[in-house]
């Protein structure tokens, strides 16, 4: 009797294990099929948009060219995909292509169409809200929220060298040309710092604004302290002859040279900091 009970328990456990494995395999197959269908849907939508859009403006042609690159890449990924993660990557590539399609439609002056699911790569990158022009190593770089002849390169937002690059239109695809090593990367970092520091989502607030605010703060502090030092004028007046002949203290290094420049409004006054 006891042996029979053990046999029944073993059979029940075995049956439960088989059922669990079958259910798990079925769920994985369903998830894989869903991921494949989702990626295929966005890929086909991208292909249809590419066939129906045409334009001669530089911004339109460049956006469509970038969309075409994503279409080819997504097709290749779909052919090789065998896991849900790989299908998710193909979906992301197709969505990037559709982001460029929306940019091309914007440059054409027509409705960009319905909003797309957010790109994983663009999470936290923000968007350009103001026109921006900077000079880096003798070259002028422009960026802004709208396409134009001087900003024909669209970027849907993402991360480059560990720093976010907001979505918007750029005068040159510096994030592509700086993908190598050495001077290319250094140049890209300088461009990113000049365009987006200190606020990525609002590049209009940059070095000049920070410098001016720092200068004004320093000026206000100086006025507030003017009375205190004025009251002590007689005490310091007696020591005038001792220090008047020392150029370094009177007007050289401390009076307005090194400390007046670096701390008064340059490095610490609102520029770098």
C-alpha atoms as a PDB file:
ATOM      1  CA  UNK A   1       0.000   0.000   0.000  1.00  0.00           C
ATOM      2  CA  UNK A   2       2.783   2.402   0.949  1.00  0.00           C
ATOM      3  CA  UNK A   3       4.754   1.548  -2.207  1.00  0.00           C
ATOM      4  CA  UNK A   4       1.701   2.191  -4.363  1.00  0.00           C
ATOM      5  CA  UNK A   5       1.258   5.594  -2.725  1.00  0.00           C
ATOM      6  CA  UNK A   6       4.850   6.535  -3.528  1.00  0.00           C
ATOM      7  CA  UNK A   7       4.368   5.432  -7.128  1.00  0.00           C
ATOM      8  CA  UNK A   8       1.276   7.622  -7.434  1.00  0.00           C
ATOM      9  CA  UNK A   9       3.144  10.625  -5.967  1.00  0.00           C
ATOM     10  CA  UNK A  10       6.066  10.144  -8.340  1.00  0.00           C
ATOM     11  CA  UNK A  11       3.724   9.894 -11.305  1.00  0.00           C
ATOM     12  CA  UNK A  12       1.918  13.045 -10.237  1.00  0.00           C
ATOM     13  CA  UNK A  13       5.173  14.956  -9.807  1.00  0.00           C
ATOM     14  CA  UNK A  14       6.409  13.713 -13.177  1.00  0.00           C
ATOM     15  CA  UNK A  15       3.170  14.779 -14.835  1.00  0.00           C
ATOM     16  CA  UNK A  16       3.357  18.218 -13.220  1.00  0.00           C
ATOM     17  CA  UNK A  17       6.959  18.652 -14.408  1.00  0.00           C
ATOM     18  CA  UNK A  18       6.053  17.664 -17.964  1.00  0.00           C
ATOM     19  CA  UNK A  19       3.074  20.061 -17.948  1.00  0.00           C
ATOM     20  CA  UNK A  20       5.247  22.911 -16.589  1.00  0.00           C
ATOM     21  CA  UNK A  21       7.895  22.353 -19.256  1.00  0.00           C
ATOM     22  CA  UNK A  22       5.269  22.246 -21.976  1.00  0.00           C
ATOM     23  CA  UNK A  23       3.681  25.446 -20.689  1.00  0.00           C
ATOM     24  CA  UNK A  24       7.040  27.191 -20.433  1.00  0.00           C
ATOM     25  CA  UNK A  25       7.990  26.145 -23.951  1.00  0.00           C
ATOM     26  CA  UNK A  26       4.603  27.305 -25.221  1.00  0.00           C
ATOM     27  CA  UNK A  27       4.997  30.699 -23.536  1.00  0.00           C
ATOM     28  CA  UNK A  28       8.462  31.167 -25.018  1.00  0.00           C
ATOM     29  CA  UNK A  29       7.142  30.288 -28.467  1.00  0.00           C
ATOM     30  CA  UNK A  30       4.300  32.781 -28.053  1.00  0.00           C
ATOM     31  CA  UNK A  31       6.652  35.526 -26.861  1.00  0.00           C
ATOM     32  CA  UNK A  32       8.993  34.853 -29.770  1.00  0.00           C
ATOM     33  CA  UNK A  33       6.135  34.969 -32.271  1.00  0.00           C
ATOM     34  CA  UNK A  34       4.848  38.219 -30.769  1.00  0.00           C
ATOM     35  CA  UNK A  35       8.306  39.811 -30.856  1.00  0.00           C
ATOM     36  CA  UNK A  36       8.761  38.740 -34.492  1.00  0.00           C
ATOM     37  CA  UNK A  37       5.349  40.134 -35.467  1.00  0.00           C
ATOM     38  CA  UNK A  38       5.994  43.430 -33.666  1.00  0.00           C
ATOM     39  CA  UNK A  39       9.349  43.945 -35.363  1.00  0.00           C
ATOM     40  CA  UNK A  40       7.937  42.913 -38.737  1.00  0.00           C
ATOM     41  CA  UNK A  41       5.048  45.361 -38.382  1.00  0.00           C
ATOM     42  CA  UNK A  42       7.291  48.391 -37.843  1.00  0.00           C
ATOM     43  CA  UNK A  43       9.689  47.199 -40.545  1.00  0.00           C
ATOM     44  CA  UNK A  44       6.919  46.964 -43.134  1.00  0.00           C
ATOM     45  CA  UNK A  45       5.555  50.344 -42.121  1.00  0.00           C
ATOM     46  CA  UNK A  46       9.008  51.843 -42.614  1.00  0.00           C
ATOM     47  CA  UNK A  47       9.272  50.299 -46.072  1.00  0.00           C
ATOM     48  CA  UNK A  48       5.884  51.661 -47.098  1.00  0.00           C
ATOM     49  CA  UNK A  49       6.787  55.179 -45.972  1.00  0.00           C
ATOM     50  CA  UNK A  50      10.077  55.070 -47.847  1.00  0.00           C
ATOM     51  CA  UNK A  51       8.312  54.175 -51.077  1.00  0.00           C
ATOM     52  CA  UNK A  52       5.870  57.077 -50.833  1.00  0.00           C
ATOM     53  CA  UNK A  53       8.150  59.954 -49.823  1.00  0.00           C
ATOM     54  CA  UNK A  54      10.311  62.022 -52.144  1.00  0.00           C
ATOM     55  CA  UNK A  55      11.931  65.433 -51.927  1.00  0.00           C
ATOM     56  CA  UNK A  56      14.831  67.495 -53.250  1.00  0.00           C
ATOM     57  CA  UNK A  57      15.596  69.649 -50.215  1.00  0.00           C
ATOM     58  CA  UNK A  58      18.876  68.660 -48.501  1.00  0.00           C
ATOM     59  CA  UNK A  59      17.154  67.991 -45.171  1.00  0.00           C
ATOM     60  CA  UNK A  60      14.553  65.738 -46.839  1.00  0.00           C
ATOM     61  CA  UNK A  61      17.083  63.776 -48.864  1.00  0.00           C
ATOM     62  CA  UNK A  62      19.357  63.267 -45.875  1.00  0.00           C
ATOM     63  CA  UNK A  63      16.533  62.131 -43.582  1.00  0.00           C
ATOM     64  CA  UNK A  64      15.279  59.674 -46.212  1.00  0.00           C
ATOM     65  CA  UNK A  65      18.813  58.373 -46.743  1.00  0.00           C
ATOM     66  CA  UNK A  66      19.164  57.728 -43.000  1.00  0.00           C
ATOM     67  CA  UNK A  67      15.746  56.059 -42.952  1.00  0.00           C
ATOM     68  CA  UNK A  68      16.819  53.832 -45.835  1.00  0.00           C
ATOM     69  CA  UNK A  69      19.938  52.775 -43.936  1.00  0.00           C
ATOM     70  CA  UNK A  70      17.795  51.784 -40.955  1.00  0.00           C
ATOM     71  CA  UNK A  71      15.421  49.874 -43.228  1.00  0.00           C
ATOM     72  CA  UNK A  72      18.261  47.792 -44.656  1.00  0.00           C
ATOM     73  CA  UNK A  73      19.740  47.211 -41.213  1.00  0.00           C
ATOM     74  CA  UNK A  74      16.381  46.165 -39.730  1.00  0.00           C
ATOM     75  CA  UNK A  75      15.809  43.727 -42.606  1.00  0.00           C
ATOM     76  CA  UNK A  76      19.174  42.108 -42.003  1.00  0.00           C
ATOM     77  CA  UNK A  77      18.484  41.856 -38.274  1.00  0.00           C
ATOM     78  CA  UNK A  78      15.097  40.251 -38.898  1.00  0.00           C
ATOM     79  CA  UNK A  79      16.648  37.581 -41.130  1.00  0.00           C
ATOM     80  CA  UNK A  80      19.167  36.604 -38.460  1.00  0.00           C
ATOM     81  CA  UNK A  81      16.987  37.024 -35.352  1.00  0.00           C
ATOM     82  CA  UNK A  82      16.207  33.955 -33.295  1.00  0.00           C
ATOM     83  CA  UNK A  83      15.461  35.359 -29.837  1.00  0.00           C
ATOM     84  CA  UNK A  84      13.061  37.923 -28.428  1.00  0.00           C
ATOM     85  CA  UNK A  85      15.996  40.218 -27.674  1.00  0.00           C
ATOM     86  CA  UNK A  86      17.202  40.096 -31.276  1.00  0.00           C
ATOM     87  CA  UNK A  87      13.711  40.854 -32.571  1.00  0.00           C
ATOM     88  CA  UNK A  88      13.527  43.754 -30.107  1.00  0.00           C
ATOM     89  CA  UNK A  89      16.741  45.156 -31.600  1.00  0.00           C
ATOM     90  CA  UNK A  90      15.264  44.890 -35.104  1.00  0.00           C
ATOM     91  CA  UNK A  91      12.149  46.686 -33.873  1.00  0.00           C
ATOM     92  CA  UNK A  92      14.280  49.475 -32.393  1.00  0.00           C
ATOM     93  CA  UNK A  93      16.143  49.902 -35.682  1.00  0.00           C
ATOM     94  CA  UNK A  94      12.873  50.109 -37.613  1.00  0.00           C
ATOM     95  CA  UNK A  95      11.546  52.687 -35.154  1.00  0.00           C
ATOM     96  CA  UNK A  96      14.712  54.751 -35.654  1.00  0.00           C
ATOM     97  CA  UNK A  97      14.038  54.643 -39.377  1.00  0.00           C
ATOM     98  CA  UNK A  98      10.483  55.851 -38.801  1.00  0.00           C
ATOM     99  CA  UNK A  99      11.845  58.696 -36.648  1.00  0.00           C
ATOM    100  CA  UNK A 100      13.826  59.794 -39.702  1.00  0.00           C
ATOM    101  CA  UNK A 101      10.654  59.443 -41.786  1.00  0.00           C
ATOM    102  CA  UNK A 102       8.870  61.831 -39.431  1.00  0.00           C
ATOM    103  CA  UNK A 103      11.808  64.210 -39.788  1.00  0.00           C
ATOM    104  CA  UNK A 104      11.585  64.020 -43.598  1.00  0.00           C
ATOM    105  CA  UNK A 105       7.850  64.742 -43.480  1.00  0.00           C
ATOM    106  CA  UNK A 106       8.529  67.725 -41.230  1.00  0.00           C
ATOM    107  CA  UNK A 107      11.126  69.018 -43.678  1.00  0.00           C
ATOM    108  CA  UNK A 108       8.572  68.590 -46.480  1.00  0.00           C
ATOM    109  CA  UNK A 109       6.113  70.722 -44.546  1.00  0.00           C
ATOM    110  CA  UNK A 110       3.502  67.986 -44.133  1.00  0.00           C
ATOM    111  CA  UNK A 111       2.014  66.274 -41.095  1.00  0.00           C
ATOM    112  CA  UNK A 112       4.738  64.058 -39.555  1.00  0.00           C
ATOM    113  CA  UNK A 113       2.134  61.455 -38.664  1.00  0.00           C
ATOM    114  CA  UNK A 114       1.267  59.742 -35.397  1.00  0.00           C
ATOM    115  CA  UNK A 115       3.701  59.661 -32.517  1.00  0.00           C
ATOM    116  CA  UNK A 116       6.052  56.685 -32.321  1.00  0.00           C
ATOM    117  CA  UNK A 117       6.903  54.563 -29.292  1.00  0.00           C
ATOM    118  CA  UNK A 118       9.873  56.144 -27.496  1.00  0.00           C
ATOM    119  CA  UNK A 119      13.282  54.979 -28.630  1.00  0.00           C
ATOM    120  CA  UNK A 120      15.232  53.141 -25.965  1.00  0.00           C
ATOM    121  CA  UNK A 121      18.477  54.746 -27.157  1.00  0.00           C
ATOM    122  CA  UNK A 122      17.022  58.258 -26.857  1.00  0.00           C
ATOM    123  CA  UNK A 123      15.778  57.892 -23.279  1.00  0.00           C
ATOM    124  CA  UNK A 124      16.906  60.901 -21.245  1.00  0.00           C
ATOM    125  CA  UNK A 125      18.511  62.688 -24.218  1.00  0.00           C
ATOM    126  CA  UNK A 126      15.878  65.416 -24.541  1.00  0.00           C
ATOM    127  CA  UNK A 127      15.170  67.655 -27.517  1.00  0.00           C
ATOM    128  CA  UNK A 128      16.644  70.863 -28.871  1.00  0.00           C
ATOM    129  CA  UNK A 129      14.421  73.862 -28.149  1.00  0.00           C
ATOM    130  CA  UNK A 130      16.525  76.779 -29.435  1.00  0.00           C
ATOM    131  CA  UNK A 131      18.855  77.619 -32.281  1.00  0.00           C
ATOM    132  CA  UNK A 132      22.518  77.249 -31.341  1.00  0.00           C
ATOM    133  CA  UNK A 133      25.713  78.247 -33.147  1.00  0.00           C
ATOM    134  CA  UNK A 134      29.227  77.638 -31.832  1.00  0.00           C
ATOM    135  CA  UNK A 135      32.760  77.757 -33.151  1.00  0.00           C
ATOM    136  CA  UNK A 136      35.036  74.808 -32.388  1.00  0.00           C
ATOM    137  CA  UNK A 137      38.603  74.570 -33.674  1.00  0.00           C
ATOM    138  CA  UNK A 138      37.918  77.147 -36.370  1.00  0.00           C
ATOM    139  CA  UNK A 139      34.707  75.535 -37.663  1.00  0.00           C
ATOM    140  CA  UNK A 140      31.134  76.679 -37.127  1.00  0.00           C
ATOM    141  CA  UNK A 141      28.534  74.165 -35.927  1.00  0.00           C
ATOM    142  CA  UNK A 142      24.815  74.830 -35.797  1.00  0.00           C
ATOM    143  CA  UNK A 143      21.899  73.019 -34.195  1.00  0.00           C
ATOM    144  CA  UNK A 144      18.215  73.703 -33.722  1.00  0.00           C
ATOM    145  CA  UNK A 145      14.728  72.257 -33.411  1.00  0.00           C
ATOM    146  CA  UNK A 146      13.771  72.853 -37.070  1.00  0.00           C
ATOM    147  CA  UNK A 147      15.293  71.736 -40.391  1.00  0.00           C
ATOM    148  CA  UNK A 148      16.954  74.177 -42.743  1.00  0.00           C
ATOM    149  CA  UNK A 149      19.612  74.531 -45.401  1.00  0.00           C
ATOM    150  CA  UNK A 150      22.225  75.088 -42.680  1.00  0.00           C
ATOM    151  CA  UNK A 151      20.926  72.242 -40.479  1.00  0.00           C
ATOM    152  CA  UNK A 152      20.031  69.366 -42.827  1.00  0.00           C
ATOM    153  CA  UNK A 153      21.061  66.466 -40.565  1.00  0.00           C
ATOM    154  CA  UNK A 154      18.449  65.074 -38.216  1.00  0.00           C
ATOM    155  CA  UNK A 155      19.307  63.050 -35.127  1.00  0.00           C
ATOM    156  CA  UNK A 156      16.536  61.292 -33.156  1.00  0.00           C
ATOM    157  CA  UNK A 157      18.411  61.548 -29.862  1.00  0.00           C
ATOM    158  CA  UNK A 158      20.760  59.136 -28.162  1.00  0.00           C
ATOM    159  CA  UNK A 159      24.021  58.765 -26.298  1.00  0.00           C
ATOM    160  CA  UNK A 160      27.505  59.368 -27.652  1.00  0.00           C
ATOM    161  CA  UNK A 161      30.656  58.712 -25.636  1.00  0.00           C
ATOM    162  CA  UNK A 162      28.529  58.411 -22.502  1.00  0.00           C
ATOM    163  CA  UNK A 163      26.820  61.788 -22.895  1.00  0.00           C
ATOM    164  CA  UNK A 164      23.267  62.429 -24.163  1.00  0.00           C
ATOM    165  CA  UNK A 165      22.787  64.077 -27.551  1.00  0.00           C
ATOM    166  CA  UNK A 166      19.319  65.642 -27.880  1.00  0.00           C
ATOM    167  CA  UNK A 167      17.033  65.115 -30.842  1.00  0.00           C
ATOM    168  CA  UNK A 168      17.154  67.903 -33.388  1.00  0.00           C
ATOM    169  CA  UNK A 169      18.708  69.191 -36.595  1.00  0.00           C
ATOM    170  CA  UNK A 170      22.450  69.724 -37.004  1.00  0.00           C
ATOM    171  CA  UNK A 171      24.738  71.350 -39.545  1.00  0.00           C
ATOM    172  CA  UNK A 172      26.934  68.254 -39.726  1.00  0.00           C
ATOM    173  CA  UNK A 173      26.644  64.668 -38.439  1.00  0.00           C
ATOM    174  CA  UNK A 174      29.590  65.101 -36.074  1.00  0.00           C
ATOM    175  CA  UNK A 175      28.485  62.048 -34.045  1.00  0.00           C
ATOM    176  CA  UNK A 176      29.274  59.909 -37.119  1.00  0.00           C
ATOM    177  CA  UNK A 177      32.605  61.504 -38.044  1.00  0.00           C
ATOM    178  CA  UNK A 178      33.766  61.258 -34.433  1.00  0.00           C
ATOM    179  CA  UNK A 179      33.214  57.537 -34.093  1.00  0.00           C
ATOM    180  CA  UNK A 180      36.883  56.738 -34.597  1.00  0.00           C
ATOM    181  CA  UNK A 181      39.690  57.336 -32.140  1.00  0.00           C
ATOM    182  CA  UNK A 182      42.099  60.085 -31.228  1.00  0.00           C
ATOM    183  CA  UNK A 183      41.430  63.503 -32.739  1.00  0.00           C
ATOM    184  CA  UNK A 184      38.003  62.478 -34.024  1.00  0.00           C
ATOM    185  CA  UNK A 185      36.688  61.605 -30.577  1.00  0.00           C
ATOM    186  CA  UNK A 186      38.302  64.684 -29.026  1.00  0.00           C
ATOM    187  CA  UNK A 187      36.709  66.904 -31.660  1.00  0.00           C
ATOM    188  CA  UNK A 188      33.300  65.340 -31.028  1.00  0.00           C
ATOM    189  CA  UNK A 189      33.617  65.909 -27.285  1.00  0.00           C
ATOM    190  CA  UNK A 190      34.514  69.565 -27.840  1.00  0.00           C
ATOM    191  CA  UNK A 191      31.527  70.016 -30.151  1.00  0.00           C
ATOM    192  CA  UNK A 192      29.158  68.342 -27.685  1.00  0.00           C
ATOM    193  CA  UNK A 193      30.449  70.474 -24.815  1.00  0.00           C
ATOM    194  CA  UNK A 194      30.105  73.668 -26.833  1.00  0.00           C
ATOM    195  CA  UNK A 195      26.610  72.887 -28.142  1.00  0.00           C
ATOM    196  CA  UNK A 196      24.933  71.462 -25.059  1.00  0.00           C
ATOM    197  CA  UNK A 197      26.688  72.654 -21.903  1.00  0.00           C
ATOM    198  CA  UNK A 198      25.294  73.159 -19.358  1.00  0.00           C
ATOM    199  CA  UNK A 199      21.706  72.162 -20.251  1.00  0.00           C
ATOM    200  CA  UNK A 200      21.064  69.477 -22.870  1.00  0.00           C
ATOM    201  CA  UNK A 201      17.372  70.185 -23.325  1.00  0.00           C
ATOM    202  CA  UNK A 202      17.922  73.938 -23.636  1.00  0.00           C
ATOM    203  CA  UNK A 203      21.228  74.648 -25.382  1.00  0.00           C
ATOM    204  CA  UNK A 204      20.386  78.348 -25.561  1.00  0.00           C
ATOM    205  CA  UNK A 205      21.457  78.572 -21.932  1.00  0.00           C
ATOM    206  CA  UNK A 206      25.174  78.202 -22.387  1.00  0.00           C
ATOM    207  CA  UNK A 207      28.511  79.696 -21.559  1.00  0.00           C
ATOM    208  CA  UNK A 208      27.513  83.326 -22.178  1.00  0.00           C
ATOM    209  CA  UNK A 209      24.477  83.198 -19.875  1.00  0.00           C
ATOM    210  CA  UNK A 210      26.418  81.447 -17.121  1.00  0.00           C
ATOM    211  CA  UNK A 211      29.274  83.910 -17.398  1.00  0.00           C
ATOM    212  CA  UNK A 212      26.970  86.929 -17.199  1.00  0.00           C
ATOM    213  CA  UNK A 213      25.102  85.581 -14.178  1.00  0.00           C
ATOM    214  CA  UNK A 214      28.371  84.872 -12.396  1.00  0.00           C
ATOM    215  CA  UNK A 215      29.644  88.355 -13.155  1.00  0.00           C
ATOM    216  CA  UNK A 216      26.455  89.976 -11.868  1.00  0.00           C
ATOM    217  CA  UNK A 217      26.534  87.901  -8.689  1.00  0.00           C
ATOM    218  CA  UNK A 218      30.105  88.953  -8.060  1.00  0.00           C
ATOM    219  CA  UNK A 219      29.236  92.603  -8.677  1.00  0.00           C
ATOM    220  CA  UNK A 220      26.314  92.455  -6.244  1.00  0.00           C
ATOM    221  CA  UNK A 221      28.515  90.895  -3.580  1.00  0.00           C
ATOM    222  CA  UNK A 222      31.052  93.651  -4.078  1.00  0.00           C
ATOM    223  CA  UNK A 223      28.413  96.337  -3.550  1.00  0.00           C
ATOM    224  CA  UNK A 224      27.104  94.650  -0.417  1.00  0.00           C
ATOM    225  CA  UNK A 225      30.552  94.595   1.094  1.00  0.00           C
ATOM    226  CA  UNK A 226      31.465  98.127   0.056  1.00  0.00           C
ATOM    227  CA  UNK A 227      30.094  99.721   3.218  1.00  0.00           C
ATOM    228  CA  UNK A 228      31.963  97.377   5.506  1.00  0.00           C
ATOM    229  CA  UNK A 229      35.292  98.145   3.913  1.00  0.00           C
ATOM    230  CA  UNK A 230      34.518 101.852   3.757  1.00  0.00           C
ATOM    231  CA  UNK A 231      34.139 102.010   7.511  1.00  0.00           C
ATOM    232  CA  UNK A 232      37.607 100.646   7.887  1.00  0.00           C
ATOM    233  CA  UNK A 233      39.192 103.165   5.519  1.00  0.00           C
ATOM    234  CA  UNK A 234      41.021 105.084   8.201  1.00  0.00           C
ATOM    235  CA  UNK A 235      42.608 101.960   9.617  1.00  0.00           C
ATOM    236  CA  UNK A 236      43.984 100.916   6.251  1.00  0.00           C
ATOM    237  CA  UNK A 237      44.928 104.436   5.300  1.00  0.00           C
ATOM    238  CA  UNK A 238      47.742 104.453   7.809  1.00  0.00           C
ATOM    239  CA  UNK A 239      49.259 101.484   6.078  1.00  0.00           C
ATOM    240  CA  UNK A 240      49.057 102.976   2.580  1.00  0.00           C
ATOM    241  CA  UNK A 241      52.707 103.877   2.327  1.00  0.00           C
ATOM    242  CA  UNK A 242      53.801 100.381   3.310  1.00  0.00           C
ATOM    243  CA  UNK A 243      51.963  98.772   0.418  1.00  0.00           C
ATOM    244  CA  UNK A 244      51.853 101.527  -2.182  1.00  0.00           C
ATOM    245  CA  UNK A 245      55.300 100.800  -3.477  1.00  0.00           C
ATOM    246  CA  UNK A 246      54.740  97.088  -3.881  1.00  0.00           C
ATOM    247  CA  UNK A 247      53.540  96.595  -7.434  1.00  0.00           C
ATOM    248  CA  UNK A 248      52.555  92.992  -6.970  1.00  0.00           C
ATOM    249  CA  UNK A 249      49.954  93.857  -4.340  1.00  0.00           C
ATOM    250  CA  UNK A 250      48.784  97.260  -5.489  1.00  0.00           C
ATOM    251  CA  UNK A 251      47.620  96.467  -9.018  1.00  0.00           C
ATOM    252  CA  UNK A 252      49.574  93.543 -10.309  1.00  0.00           C
ATOM    253  CA  UNK A 253      48.936  89.947  -9.319  1.00  0.00           C
ATOM    254  CA  UNK A 254      46.352  90.591  -6.577  1.00  0.00           C
ATOM    255  CA  UNK A 255      44.867  93.922  -7.606  1.00  0.00           C
ATOM    256  CA  UNK A 256      43.459  92.889 -10.946  1.00  0.00           C
ATOM    257  CA  UNK A 257      45.773  90.436 -12.634  1.00  0.00           C
ATOM    258  CA  UNK A 258      45.653  86.745 -11.848  1.00  0.00           C
ATOM    259  CA  UNK A 259      43.000  86.844  -9.133  1.00  0.00           C
ATOM    260  CA  UNK A 260      40.954  89.561 -10.737  1.00  0.00           C
ATOM    261  CA  UNK A 261      40.716  87.605 -13.996  1.00  0.00           C
ATOM    262  CA  UNK A 262      40.378  83.988 -12.913  1.00  0.00           C
ATOM    263  CA  UNK A 263      38.065  84.532  -9.933  1.00  0.00           C
ATOM    264  CA  UNK A 264      36.275  87.739 -10.892  1.00  0.00           C
ATOM    265  CA  UNK A 265      34.299  86.363 -13.811  1.00  0.00           C
ATOM    266  CA  UNK A 266      36.342  83.904 -15.838  1.00  0.00           C
ATOM    267  CA  UNK A 267      36.805  80.335 -14.659  1.00  0.00           C
ATOM    268  CA  UNK A 268      34.919  80.649 -11.375  1.00  0.00           C
ATOM    269  CA  UNK A 269      32.659  83.574 -12.111  1.00  0.00           C
ATOM    270  CA  UNK A 270      30.191  81.577 -14.184  1.00  0.00           C
ATOM    271  CA  UNK A 271      32.092  80.243 -17.178  1.00  0.00           C
ATOM    272  CA  UNK A 272      33.414  76.747 -16.576  1.00  0.00           C
ATOM    273  CA  UNK A 273      31.476  76.293 -13.334  1.00  0.00           C
END
